Amino acid sequence: MDMKADKTVRRRMAAGAGALALVAMGTLSACGGNSGESPSTSTTTTTTTTAPSVSPTEKGLEPGGGNKFTPTVKAPTPATAVPGDN
């Protein structure tokens, strides 16, 4: 196949893909429109709830209390080689 025919095939495929995209967008926009139907009946339910009481958190911040959010588990230190051993 020569270069001119290859270029023509590519243009036709691009034009076909563009046309297909336009048809797909038109179809989706037509399907997504308001159909004009309204709901036959609607019911409303009213529920009354009370808010739970607020309680203080377990960990409070105090000016001189230090950092209470530090983890309690400490990782062991890594093993090191004896100096002179590679």
PDB file of N, CA and C in Angstrom:
ATOM      1  N   MET A   1       0.842  -1.163   0.000  1.00  0.00           N
ATOM      2  CA  MET A   1       0.000   0.000   0.000  1.00  0.00           C
ATOM      3  C   MET A   1       0.900   1.242   0.000  1.00  0.00           C
ATOM      4  N   ASP A   2       0.578   2.191  -0.858  1.00  0.00           N
ATOM      5  CA  ASP A   2       1.409   3.381  -0.913  1.00  0.00           C
ATOM      6  C   ASP A   2       0.990   4.401   0.141  1.00  0.00           C
ATOM      7  N   MET A   3       1.770   5.449   0.300  1.00  0.00           N
ATOM      8  CA  MET A   3       1.567   6.441   1.354  1.00  0.00           C
ATOM      9  C   MET A   3       0.267   7.221   1.161  1.00  0.00           C
ATOM     10  N   LYS A   4      -0.091   7.508  -0.096  1.00  0.00           N
ATOM     11  CA  LYS A   4      -1.293   8.295  -0.346  1.00  0.00           C
ATOM     12  C   LYS A   4      -2.542   7.511   0.042  1.00  0.00           C
ATOM     13  N   ALA A   5      -2.578   6.244  -0.278  1.00  0.00           N
ATOM     14  CA  ALA A   5      -3.726   5.415   0.075  1.00  0.00           C
ATOM     15  C   ALA A   5      -3.795   5.224   1.580  1.00  0.00           C
ATOM     16  N   ASP A   6      -2.657   5.086   2.240  1.00  0.00           N
ATOM     17  CA  ASP A   6      -2.625   4.921   3.692  1.00  0.00           C
ATOM     18  C   ASP A   6      -3.150   6.176   4.384  1.00  0.00           C
ATOM     19  N   LYS A   7      -2.781   7.342   3.874  1.00  0.00           N
ATOM     20  CA  LYS A   7      -3.246   8.606   4.437  1.00  0.00           C
ATOM     21  C   LYS A   7      -4.761   8.745   4.254  1.00  0.00           C
ATOM     22  N   THR A   8      -5.271   8.322   3.115  1.00  0.00           N
ATOM     23  CA  THR A   8      -6.706   8.402   2.852  1.00  0.00           C
ATOM     24  C   THR A   8      -7.481   7.486   3.786  1.00  0.00           C
ATOM     25  N   VAL A   9      -6.970   6.309   4.037  1.00  0.00           N
ATOM     26  CA  VAL A   9      -7.629   5.369   4.945  1.00  0.00           C
ATOM     27  C   VAL A   9      -7.658   5.948   6.352  1.00  0.00           C
ATOM     28  N   ARG A  10      -6.571   6.539   6.778  1.00  0.00           N
ATOM     29  CA  ARG A  10      -6.523   7.146   8.114  1.00  0.00           C
ATOM     30  C   ARG A  10      -7.526   8.290   8.235  1.00  0.00           C
ATOM     31  N   ARG A  11      -7.642   9.115   7.192  1.00  0.00           N
ATOM     32  CA  ARG A  11      -8.600  10.216   7.230  1.00  0.00           C
ATOM     33  C   ARG A  11     -10.033   9.692   7.302  1.00  0.00           C
ATOM     34  N   ARG A  12     -10.328   8.671   6.535  1.00  0.00           N
ATOM     35  CA  ARG A  12     -11.687   8.103   6.562  1.00  0.00           C
ATOM     36  C   ARG A  12     -12.004   7.483   7.915  1.00  0.00           C
ATOM     37  N   MET A  13     -11.022   6.819   8.516  1.00  0.00           N
ATOM     38  CA  MET A  13     -11.257   6.222   9.838  1.00  0.00           C
ATOM     39  C   MET A  13     -11.461   7.311  10.883  1.00  0.00           C
ATOM     40  N   ALA A  14     -10.696   8.403  10.811  1.00  0.00           N
ATOM     41  CA  ALA A  14     -10.851   9.506  11.753  1.00  0.00           C
ATOM     42  C   ALA A  14     -12.205  10.178  11.574  1.00  0.00           C
ATOM     43  N   ALA A  15     -12.627  10.363  10.316  1.00  0.00           N
ATOM     44  CA  ALA A  15     -13.929  10.973  10.053  1.00  0.00           C
ATOM     45  C   ALA A  15     -15.055  10.064  10.555  1.00  0.00           C
ATOM     46  N   GLY A  16     -14.913   8.776  10.360  1.00  0.00           N
ATOM     47  CA  GLY A  16     -15.926   7.833  10.854  1.00  0.00           C
ATOM     48  C   GLY A  16     -15.996   7.817  12.365  1.00  0.00           C
ATOM     49  N   ALA A  17     -14.836   7.855  13.012  1.00  0.00           N
ATOM     50  CA  ALA A  17     -14.821   7.875  14.476  1.00  0.00           C
ATOM     51  C   ALA A  17     -15.438   9.171  15.001  1.00  0.00           C
ATOM     52  N   GLY A  18     -15.181  10.288  14.337  1.00  0.00           N
ATOM     53  CA  GLY A  18     -15.781  11.560  14.733  1.00  0.00           C
ATOM     54  C   GLY A  18     -17.277  11.557  14.564  1.00  0.00           C
ATOM     55  N   ALA A  19     -17.746  11.017  13.442  1.00  0.00           N
ATOM     56  CA  ALA A  19     -19.185  10.931  13.209  1.00  0.00           C
ATOM     57  C   ALA A  19     -19.848  10.023  14.238  1.00  0.00           C
ATOM     58  N   LEU A  20     -19.207   8.932  14.549  1.00  0.00           N
ATOM     59  CA  LEU A  20     -19.742   8.013  15.562  1.00  0.00           C
ATOM     60  C   LEU A  20     -19.801   8.684  16.934  1.00  0.00           C
ATOM     61  N   ALA A  21     -18.793   9.484  17.247  1.00  0.00           N
ATOM     62  CA  ALA A  21     -18.794  10.204  18.519  1.00  0.00           C
ATOM     63  C   ALA A  21     -19.933  11.217  18.570  1.00  0.00           C
ATOM     64  N   LEU A  22     -20.178  11.914  17.472  1.00  0.00           N
ATOM     65  CA  LEU A  22     -21.289  12.872  17.433  1.00  0.00           C
ATOM     66  C   LEU A  22     -22.638  12.177  17.600  1.00  0.00           C
ATOM     67  N   VAL A  23     -22.814  11.045  16.961  1.00  0.00           N
ATOM     68  CA  VAL A  23     -24.063  10.295  17.099  1.00  0.00           C
ATOM     69  C   VAL A  23     -24.231   9.807  18.532  1.00  0.00           C
ATOM     70  N   ALA A  24     -23.163   9.338  19.131  1.00  0.00           N
ATOM     71  CA  ALA A  24     -23.241   8.852  20.507  1.00  0.00           C
ATOM     72  C   ALA A  24     -23.584   9.994  21.464  1.00  0.00           C
ATOM     73  N   MET A  25     -22.971  11.176  21.277  1.00  0.00           N
ATOM     74  CA  MET A  25     -23.285  12.309  22.147  1.00  0.00           C
ATOM     75  C   MET A  25     -24.727  12.758  21.973  1.00  0.00           C
ATOM     76  N   GLY A  26     -25.203  12.778  20.753  1.00  0.00           N
ATOM     77  CA  GLY A  26     -26.602  13.151  20.505  1.00  0.00           C
ATOM     78  C   GLY A  26     -27.566  12.164  21.130  1.00  0.00           C
ATOM     79  N   THR A  27     -27.253  10.888  21.042  1.00  0.00           N
ATOM     80  CA  THR A  27     -28.116   9.859  21.630  1.00  0.00           C
ATOM     81  C   THR A  27     -28.142   9.976  23.142  1.00  0.00           C
ATOM     82  N   LEU A  28     -26.975  10.164  23.751  1.00  0.00           N
ATOM     83  CA  LEU A  28     -26.924  10.270  25.204  1.00  0.00           C
ATOM     84  C   LEU A  28     -27.623  11.528  25.705  1.00  0.00           C
ATOM     85  N   SER A  29     -27.491  12.642  24.983  1.00  0.00           N
ATOM     86  CA  SER A  29     -28.163  13.859  25.431  1.00  0.00           C
ATOM     87  C   SER A  29     -29.665  13.743  25.238  1.00  0.00           C
ATOM     88  N   ALA A  30     -30.113  13.024  24.222  1.00  0.00           N
ATOM     89  CA  ALA A  30     -31.547  12.841  24.024  1.00  0.00           C
ATOM     90  C   ALA A  30     -32.127  11.903  25.078  1.00  0.00           C
ATOM     91  N   CYS A  31     -31.365  10.912  25.477  1.00  0.00           N
ATOM     92  CA  CYS A  31     -31.849   9.969  26.494  1.00  0.00           C
ATOM     93  C   CYS A  31     -31.828  10.579  27.884  1.00  0.00           C
ATOM     94  N   GLY A  32     -30.973  11.542  28.107  1.00  0.00           N
ATOM     95  CA  GLY A  32     -30.835  12.117  29.436  1.00  0.00           C
ATOM     96  C   GLY A  32     -31.781  13.278  29.686  1.00  0.00           C
ATOM     97  N   GLY A  33     -32.557  13.683  28.718  1.00  0.00           N
ATOM     98  CA  GLY A  33     -33.455  14.821  28.875  1.00  0.00           C
ATOM     99  C   GLY A  33     -34.617  14.505  29.787  1.00  0.00           C
ATOM    100  N   ASN A  34     -35.342  15.545  30.174  1.00  0.00           N
ATOM    101  CA  ASN A  34     -36.511  15.380  31.036  1.00  0.00           C
ATOM    102  C   ASN A  34     -37.642  14.816  30.195  1.00  0.00           C
ATOM    103  N   SER A  35     -38.222  13.732  30.617  1.00  0.00           N
ATOM    104  CA  SER A  35     -39.271  13.086  29.844  1.00  0.00           C
ATOM    105  C   SER A  35     -40.632  13.704  30.082  1.00  0.00           C
ATOM    106  N   GLY A  36     -40.758  14.617  31.005  1.00  0.00           N
ATOM    107  CA  GLY A  36     -42.028  15.283  31.252  1.00  0.00           C
ATOM    108  C   GLY A  36     -42.945  14.525  32.184  1.00  0.00           C
ATOM    109  N   GLU A  37     -42.577  13.352  32.583  1.00  0.00           N
ATOM    110  CA  GLU A  37     -43.413  12.591  33.503  1.00  0.00           C
ATOM    111  C   GLU A  37     -43.189  13.091  34.912  1.00  0.00           C
ATOM    112  N   SER A  38     -44.252  13.167  35.679  1.00  0.00           N
ATOM    113  CA  SER A  38     -44.133  13.581  37.065  1.00  0.00           C
ATOM    114  C   SER A  38     -44.516  12.413  37.960  1.00  0.00           C
ATOM    115  N   PRO A  39     -44.020  12.378  39.174  1.00  0.00           N
ATOM    116  CA  PRO A  39     -44.379  11.289  40.072  1.00  0.00           C
ATOM    117  C   PRO A  39     -45.866  11.341  40.403  1.00  0.00           C
ATOM    118  N   SER A  40     -46.463  10.165  40.531  1.00  0.00           N
ATOM    119  CA  SER A  40     -47.906  10.108  40.763  1.00  0.00           C
ATOM    120  C   SER A  40     -48.266  10.598  42.159  1.00  0.00           C
ATOM    121  N   THR A  41     -47.610  10.110  43.167  1.00  0.00           N
ATOM    122  CA  THR A  41     -47.866  10.564  44.535  1.00  0.00           C
ATOM    123  C   THR A  41     -46.552  10.643  45.278  1.00  0.00           C
ATOM    124  N   SER A  42     -46.529  11.467  46.298  1.00  0.00           N
ATOM    125  CA  SER A  42     -45.338  11.533  47.126  1.00  0.00           C
ATOM    126  C   SER A  42     -45.769  11.619  48.577  1.00  0.00           C
ATOM    127  N   THR A  43     -45.007  10.981  49.439  1.00  0.00           N
ATOM    128  CA  THR A  43     -45.298  11.024  50.863  1.00  0.00           C
ATOM    129  C   THR A  43     -44.098  11.598  51.574  1.00  0.00           C
ATOM    130  N   THR A  44     -44.356  12.351  52.642  1.00  0.00           N
ATOM    131  CA  THR A  44     -43.266  12.904  53.428  1.00  0.00           C
ATOM    132  C   THR A  44     -43.364  12.360  54.839  1.00  0.00           C
ATOM    133  N   THR A  45     -42.210  12.076  55.405  1.00  0.00           N
ATOM    134  CA  THR A  45     -42.143  11.562  56.763  1.00  0.00           C
ATOM    135  C   THR A  45     -41.245  12.491  57.564  1.00  0.00           C
ATOM    136  N   THR A  46     -41.729  12.912  58.729  1.00  0.00           N
ATOM    137  CA  THR A  46     -40.949  13.786  59.584  1.00  0.00           C
ATOM    138  C   THR A  46     -40.467  12.989  60.774  1.00  0.00           C
ATOM    139  N   THR A  47     -39.148  13.028  61.016  1.00  0.00           N
ATOM    140  CA  THR A  47     -38.560  12.300  62.127  1.00  0.00           C
ATOM    141  C   THR A  47     -37.846  13.299  63.029  1.00  0.00           C
ATOM    142  N   THR A  48     -38.097  13.201  64.318  1.00  0.00           N
ATOM    143  CA  THR A  48     -37.448  14.086  65.267  1.00  0.00           C
ATOM    144  C   THR A  48     -36.453  13.289  66.078  1.00  0.00           C
ATOM    145  N   THR A  49     -35.204  13.772  66.113  1.00  0.00           N
ATOM    146  CA  THR A  49     -34.166  13.096  66.884  1.00  0.00           C
ATOM    147  C   THR A  49     -33.519  14.108  67.810  1.00  0.00           C
ATOM    148  N   THR A  50     -32.959  13.619  68.883  1.00  0.00           N
ATOM    149  CA  THR A  50     -32.235  14.495  69.808  1.00  0.00           C
ATOM    150  C   THR A  50     -30.741  14.228  69.662  1.00  0.00           C
ATOM    151  N   ALA A  51     -29.960  15.262  69.804  1.00  0.00           N
ATOM    152  CA  ALA A  51     -28.507  15.133  69.672  1.00  0.00           C
ATOM    153  C   ALA A  51     -27.939  14.485  70.934  1.00  0.00           C
ATOM    154  N   PRO A  52     -26.957  13.602  70.790  1.00  0.00           N
ATOM    155  CA  PRO A  52     -26.340  13.000  71.976  1.00  0.00           C
ATOM    156  C   PRO A  52     -25.546  14.051  72.746  1.00  0.00           C
ATOM    157  N   SER A  53     -25.417  13.825  74.029  1.00  0.00           N
ATOM    158  CA  SER A  53     -24.673  14.785  74.837  1.00  0.00           C
ATOM    159  C   SER A  53     -23.180  14.705  74.523  1.00  0.00           C
ATOM    160  N   VAL A  54     -22.521  15.820  74.676  1.00  0.00           N
ATOM    161  CA  VAL A  54     -21.098  15.910  74.359  1.00  0.00           C
ATOM    162  C   VAL A  54     -20.302  15.531  75.600  1.00  0.00           C
ATOM    163  N   SER A  55     -19.315  14.647  75.414  1.00  0.00           N
ATOM    164  CA  SER A  55     -18.458  14.247  76.521  1.00  0.00           C
ATOM    165  C   SER A  55     -17.019  14.620  76.186  1.00  0.00           C
ATOM    166  N   PRO A  56     -16.186  14.863  77.176  1.00  0.00           N
ATOM    167  CA  PRO A  56     -14.791  15.240  76.887  1.00  0.00           C
ATOM    168  C   PRO A  56     -14.022  14.069  76.289  1.00  0.00           C
ATOM    169  N   THR A  57     -12.994  14.405  75.546  1.00  0.00           N
ATOM    170  CA  THR A  57     -12.163  13.360  74.937  1.00  0.00           C
ATOM    171  C   THR A  57     -11.249  12.751  75.992  1.00  0.00           C
ATOM    172  N   GLU A  58     -10.734  11.563  75.667  1.00  0.00           N
ATOM    173  CA  GLU A  58      -9.865  10.863  76.614  1.00  0.00           C
ATOM    174  C   GLU A  58      -8.515  11.552  76.750  1.00  0.00           C
ATOM    175  N   LYS A  59      -7.980  12.043  75.652  1.00  0.00           N
ATOM    176  CA  LYS A  59      -6.656  12.645  75.665  1.00  0.00           C
ATOM    177  C   LYS A  59      -6.814  14.153  75.510  1.00  0.00           C
ATOM    178  N   GLY A  60      -6.550  14.883  76.557  1.00  0.00           N
ATOM    179  CA  GLY A  60      -6.621  16.330  76.499  1.00  0.00           C
ATOM    180  C   GLY A  60      -5.227  16.917  76.453  1.00  0.00           C
ATOM    181  N   LEU A  61      -5.106  18.078  75.882  1.00  0.00           N
ATOM    182  CA  LEU A  61      -3.808  18.744  75.818  1.00  0.00           C
ATOM    183  C   LEU A  61      -3.696  19.721  76.983  1.00  0.00           C
ATOM    184  N   GLU A  62      -2.641  19.598  77.718  1.00  0.00           N
ATOM    185  CA  GLU A  62      -2.355  20.503  78.824  1.00  0.00           C
ATOM    186  C   GLU A  62      -1.045  21.207  78.519  1.00  0.00           C
ATOM    187  N   PRO A  63      -0.897  22.460  78.948  1.00  0.00           N
ATOM    188  CA  PRO A  63       0.337  23.195  78.615  1.00  0.00           C
ATOM    189  C   PRO A  63       1.607  22.515  79.105  1.00  0.00           C
ATOM    190  N   GLY A  64       1.612  21.925  80.288  1.00  0.00           N
ATOM    191  CA  GLY A  64       2.838  21.320  80.797  1.00  0.00           C
ATOM    192  C   GLY A  64       2.786  19.813  80.814  1.00  0.00           C
ATOM    193  N   GLY A  65       1.789  19.199  80.183  1.00  0.00           N
ATOM    194  CA  GLY A  65       1.596  17.766  80.272  1.00  0.00           C
ATOM    195  C   GLY A  65       2.406  16.934  79.311  1.00  0.00           C
ATOM    196  N   GLY A  66       3.140  17.544  78.426  1.00  0.00           N
ATOM    197  CA  GLY A  66       3.913  16.762  77.462  1.00  0.00           C
ATOM    198  C   GLY A  66       3.053  16.329  76.286  1.00  0.00           C
ATOM    199  N   ASN A  67       3.613  15.554  75.419  1.00  0.00           N
ATOM    200  CA  ASN A  67       2.908  15.080  74.238  1.00  0.00           C
ATOM    201  C   ASN A  67       2.203  13.784  74.584  1.00  0.00           C
ATOM    202  N   LYS A  68       0.888  13.793  74.685  1.00  0.00           N
ATOM    203  CA  LYS A  68       0.139  12.596  75.048  1.00  0.00           C
ATOM    204  C   LYS A  68      -0.157  11.711  73.838  1.00  0.00           C
ATOM    205  N   PHE A  69       0.211  12.155  72.672  1.00  0.00           N
ATOM    206  CA  PHE A  69      -0.086  11.391  71.478  1.00  0.00           C
ATOM    207  C   PHE A  69       1.104  10.576  70.983  1.00  0.00           C
ATOM    208  N   THR A  70       2.098  10.389  71.795  1.00  0.00           N
ATOM    209  CA  THR A  70       3.242   9.580  71.390  1.00  0.00           C
ATOM    210  C   THR A  70       2.887   8.101  71.518  1.00  0.00           C
ATOM    211  N   PRO A  71       3.389   7.266  70.641  1.00  0.00           N
ATOM    212  CA  PRO A  71       3.093   5.838  70.734  1.00  0.00           C
ATOM    213  C   PRO A  71       3.777   5.209  71.945  1.00  0.00           C
ATOM    214  N   THR A  72       3.148   4.165  72.488  1.00  0.00           N
ATOM    215  CA  THR A  72       3.725   3.499  73.648  1.00  0.00           C
ATOM    216  C   THR A  72       4.690   2.396  73.245  1.00  0.00           C
ATOM    217  N   VAL A  73       4.575   1.845  72.046  1.00  0.00           N
ATOM    218  CA  VAL A  73       5.442   0.759  71.595  1.00  0.00           C
ATOM    219  C   VAL A  73       6.646   1.354  70.890  1.00  0.00           C
ATOM    220  N   LYS A  74       7.822   0.979  71.313  1.00  0.00           N
ATOM    221  CA  LYS A  74       9.055   1.462  70.702  1.00  0.00           C
ATOM    222  C   LYS A  74       9.694   0.333  69.900  1.00  0.00           C
ATOM    223  N   ALA A  75      10.192   0.653  68.724  1.00  0.00           N
ATOM    224  CA  ALA A  75      10.851  -0.338  67.882  1.00  0.00           C
ATOM    225  C   ALA A  75      12.261  -0.592  68.406  1.00  0.00           C
ATOM    226  N   PRO A  76      12.760  -1.836  68.307  1.00  0.00           N
ATOM    227  CA  PRO A  76      14.133  -2.115  68.751  1.00  0.00           C
ATOM    228  C   PRO A  76      15.136  -1.431  67.824  1.00  0.00           C
ATOM    229  N   THR A  77      16.291  -1.119  68.344  1.00  0.00           N
ATOM    230  CA  THR A  77      17.321  -0.483  67.520  1.00  0.00           C
ATOM    231  C   THR A  77      17.876  -1.475  66.513  1.00  0.00           C
ATOM    232  N   PRO A  78      18.302  -1.006  65.349  1.00  0.00           N
ATOM    233  CA  PRO A  78      18.828  -1.921  64.343  1.00  0.00           C
ATOM    234  C   PRO A  78      20.174  -2.500  64.773  1.00  0.00           C
ATOM    235  N   ALA A  79      20.414  -3.710  64.348  1.00  0.00           N
ATOM    236  CA  ALA A  79      21.683  -4.365  64.677  1.00  0.00           C
ATOM    237  C   ALA A  79      22.794  -3.728  63.842  1.00  0.00           C
ATOM    238  N   THR A  80      23.926  -3.496  64.463  1.00  0.00           N
ATOM    239  CA  THR A  80      25.061  -2.910  63.741  1.00  0.00           C
ATOM    240  C   THR A  80      26.212  -3.902  63.739  1.00  0.00           C
ATOM    241  N   ALA A  81      27.038  -3.789  62.730  1.00  0.00           N
ATOM    242  CA  ALA A  81      28.195  -4.691  62.613  1.00  0.00           C
ATOM    243  C   ALA A  81      29.313  -4.199  63.507  1.00  0.00           C
ATOM    244  N   VAL A  82      30.150  -5.109  63.893  1.00  0.00           N
ATOM    245  CA  VAL A  82      31.315  -4.762  64.693  1.00  0.00           C
ATOM    246  C   VAL A  82      32.248  -3.926  63.834  1.00  0.00           C
ATOM    247  N   PRO A  83      32.838  -2.872  64.355  1.00  0.00           N
ATOM    248  CA  PRO A  83      33.737  -2.043  63.528  1.00  0.00           C
ATOM    249  C   PRO A  83      34.854  -2.883  62.930  1.00  0.00           C
ATOM    250  N   GLY A  84      35.108  -2.683  61.677  1.00  0.00           N
ATOM    251  CA  GLY A  84      36.165  -3.428  60.986  1.00  0.00           C
ATOM    252  C   GLY A  84      35.599  -4.573  60.159  1.00  0.00           C
ATOM    253  N   ASP A  85      34.370  -5.031  60.425  1.00  0.00           N
ATOM    254  CA  ASP A  85      33.754  -6.091  59.618  1.00  0.00           C
ATOM    255  C   ASP A  85      32.922  -5.439  58.510  1.00  0.00           C
ATOM    256  N   ASN A  86      33.045  -5.970  57.324  1.00  0.00           N
ATOM    257  CA  ASN A  86      32.276  -5.418  56.211  1.00  0.00           C
ATOM    258  C   ASN A  86      31.127  -6.274  55.920  1.00  0.00           C
TER     259      ASN A  86
END
